[in-house]
Amino acid sequence: MKAVVIREFGPPSVMRIEEVPTPEPGPGEVLIAVHAVSVNRTLDLVVRAGKYARRVDFPHVLGVDPSGVIVKVGEGVTDRKVGDRVIALIRLSEPTPTEPPKLLGVNVWGGYAEYVKLPARNAHPIPDGLNFVTATVVGRHAPTAFHLLREEAKLKAGEWVLVMGAAGGLGSAGVQAAKYLGANVIAAAGADLRVQAARDLGADAGVNYRSADLTSEVLRITGGRGVNVVFENVGDPELFPKAFATLARNGRLVTAGGHAGGTVPLDVNRLYLNSLRIIGSTGELSADLDMSLAAAAEGRFKALVECVLPLAEAPRAHALVADRNIIGKVVLDPRQ
């Protein structure tokens, strides 16, 4: 099969198309013909550059969220069959007190390939009528967004949510998840075009935090009350304090990202005097993925996609994501 292989860390040019043996599913495993896999800033670009916190063995194939069709099943597999349309779940094992979870595309070969094998339990069915690109994009970020808002922040209908980086992969999912749960949403992004993209996804108001003061604008929009929840995945040292300052008493800030660095100032006095909470989590439940895919199949959750490229253009795909001038996800399609 064809796969995008890296044999050393470095710039996008270290990724090269190679002919490698097609995996053979073992007991309890399935083989998937990949139809779509997205390009992610942390779990693809950072891993490829050698800056990820976990060890990566060479040669390696990236790709944490492939979707496609099962073409072969291993011994003992009874709950999946050839022809099933599925999306891969990234966690191949659960974390222990001393070890993090094993991740597809990080600890084992991923989906930048024509085929990928994985445990049958990690092959999640895709609802009828949902295409592979949408399933991959929605399945990558929406479950995390639902988990952060529904499980961690305990978001209630009618509450106000500020979504930072609202046109990015996780941010756009946060906008839609919050609306799905009945909240009022303020979309914050660094360009008018990106703010409008988030508004088009359902946000009730928007703020360009590069041209306006974030805190004062959010307080104006909420009539001085502030927001109940901040959905934060930027981690910018200048913007984080401004977002934190928008929280009303008993407010919650949830986060699963730090693309702008992640080390930020924190007003501890405001934290305890207003009974605020900061919650970090990358976990998600099976119910979060079910809700995400069902919402997309119902037309209530859109995948924001910049472009779909063939495997051979993986270096270009990484360059596009690194430039930060796109709106939506870049997806690779090994069939092209």
Foldseek 3Di string as FASTA:
>chain_A
DWFFKAFDADALVSTAIDDDDQDDDAPQKFKFQFFKFFADCCQHVCLSNVNHPDDADPGAGATQKTWGFTCGHYPPDDPDDGGFTWIFHFFQAPADPVGHTHGDRGHHHHDRGRMDMGGPVRTHGFDPPDDRHFLRLLLPALQQLLCCQCVVQVDAAAFEEEQEQCQESNNVSNLLSCVVRHYAYEYEYQDPVSQVVSVVLPHPHYDNVNVDQLQVVQCVVVVNQFGQEYEDAAQAQVVVVSNVNRHHQQHEYEYEHHNNNNDYDDDVVCCVVRVYYYYYDPDGDPVSSVVSSVCVSVVSGGAWEQEEEESRCSSVQSVVVVVPPTGGIYMYGPVD
